Protein backbone atom coordinates (compact mmCIF):
# COMPACT_ATOMS: atom_id res chain seq x y z
CA MET A 1 -3.56 -18.81 10.23
CA ASN A 2 -4.20 -15.45 8.56
CA ARG A 3 -2.19 -14.50 5.52
CA GLN A 4 -0.52 -11.10 5.54
CA TYR A 5 -0.13 -8.92 2.47
CA ARG A 6 2.27 -6.22 1.39
CA VAL A 7 0.38 -3.12 0.34
CA ILE A 8 2.04 -1.16 -2.45
CA ALA A 9 0.80 2.43 -2.80
CA GLY A 10 1.52 4.22 -6.04
CA PRO A 11 0.80 4.17 -9.77
CA TYR A 12 -0.48 0.72 -10.77
CA ARG A 13 2.05 -0.19 -13.48
CA ILE A 14 5.04 0.93 -11.43
CA ALA A 15 3.74 -0.87 -8.33
CA LYS A 16 3.18 -4.05 -10.37
CA ARG A 17 6.73 -3.92 -11.79
CA TYR A 18 8.13 -3.31 -8.30
CA ALA A 19 6.37 -6.41 -6.94
CA GLN A 20 7.50 -8.52 -9.91
CA SER A 21 11.09 -7.34 -9.49
CA ARG A 22 10.94 -8.58 -5.89
CA GLY A 23 9.65 -11.97 -7.05
CA TRP A 24 6.35 -11.63 -5.18
CA THR A 25 3.41 -13.65 -6.41
CA GLU A 26 -0.02 -12.10 -7.01
CA ASP A 27 -1.33 -13.38 -3.69
CA GLU A 28 1.46 -11.73 -1.66
CA PHE A 29 0.67 -8.08 -2.41
CA ILE A 30 -2.14 -5.60 -2.96
CA ILE A 31 -1.75 -2.48 -5.09
CA VAL A 32 -3.46 0.67 -3.82
CA THR A 33 -3.96 3.64 -6.10
CA ARG A 34 -6.83 5.32 -4.17
CA ALA A 35 -7.72 5.74 -0.50
CA HIS A 36 -11.01 3.86 -0.66
CA GLN A 37 -9.06 0.70 -1.48
CA LEU A 38 -7.42 0.87 1.94
CA ARG A 39 -10.70 1.27 3.82
CA GLY A 40 -11.78 -2.27 3.04
CA LEU A 41 -8.56 -3.86 4.27
CA ASP A 42 -8.18 -5.35 7.72
CA PRO A 43 -5.06 -3.71 9.25
CA ALA A 44 -4.19 -7.04 10.88
CA LEU A 45 -3.66 -8.53 7.40
CA ILE A 46 -1.19 -5.86 6.30
CA ALA A 47 2.45 -6.89 6.72
CA SER A 48 3.75 -3.54 5.46
CA ILE A 49 2.92 -0.53 3.29
CA ILE A 50 5.40 0.37 0.58
CA PHE A 51 5.31 3.62 -1.39
CA VAL A 52 6.54 3.59 -5.00
CA LYS A 53 6.61 6.80 -7.05
CA PHE A 54 3.94 8.02 -4.66
CA ASN A 55 4.38 11.64 -5.68
CA ASP A 56 3.56 10.75 -9.30
CA LEU A 57 -0.07 10.52 -8.18
CA GLY A 58 -2.18 13.68 -7.95
CA GLN A 59 -1.85 15.78 -4.81
CA ARG A 60 -5.46 15.16 -3.78
CA ILE A 61 -5.06 11.39 -4.20
CA VAL A 62 -1.82 11.39 -2.20
CA ALA A 63 -3.49 13.41 0.58
CA GLU A 64 -6.43 10.97 0.70
CA ILE A 65 -4.15 7.93 0.88
CA ARG A 66 -1.96 9.52 3.57
CA GLU A 67 -5.05 10.36 5.64
CA GLU A 68 -6.40 6.83 5.34
CA ILE A 69 -3.02 5.37 6.36
CA HIS A 70 -2.88 7.78 9.31
CA LEU A 71 -6.31 6.59 10.48
CA MET A 72 -5.30 2.96 10.02
CA ARG A 73 -2.05 3.37 11.92
CA ALA A 74 -3.90 5.02 14.81
CA LEU A 75 -5.65 1.69 15.33
CA TRP A 76 -2.94 -0.73 14.29
CA PRO A 77 0.86 -0.29 13.92
CA VAL A 78 1.72 -1.00 10.29
CA PRO A 79 5.35 -0.82 9.11
CA MET A 80 5.91 1.58 6.21
CA SER A 81 8.75 2.13 3.76
CA ALA A 82 9.49 4.02 0.57
CA ALA A 83 11.00 2.43 -2.52
CA ALA A 84 13.00 4.26 -5.13
């Protein structure tokens, strides 16, 4: 059985606090702050992608992450959501 992870995209500290506030353990989520971190992930292992304070990242970084997610979702449907 393959484990699935929640991917949290956004600034590291805020993403970490978000995961802790949800009671998730370290092996339940992956924090993504740059697009290249998504490239190495198998889309089948991603349960969902959550955006936290996404716009606090630089515009270029946000564009890269969005493009990588777009490419990933073209191959595999991954649920996405935004957190306040």
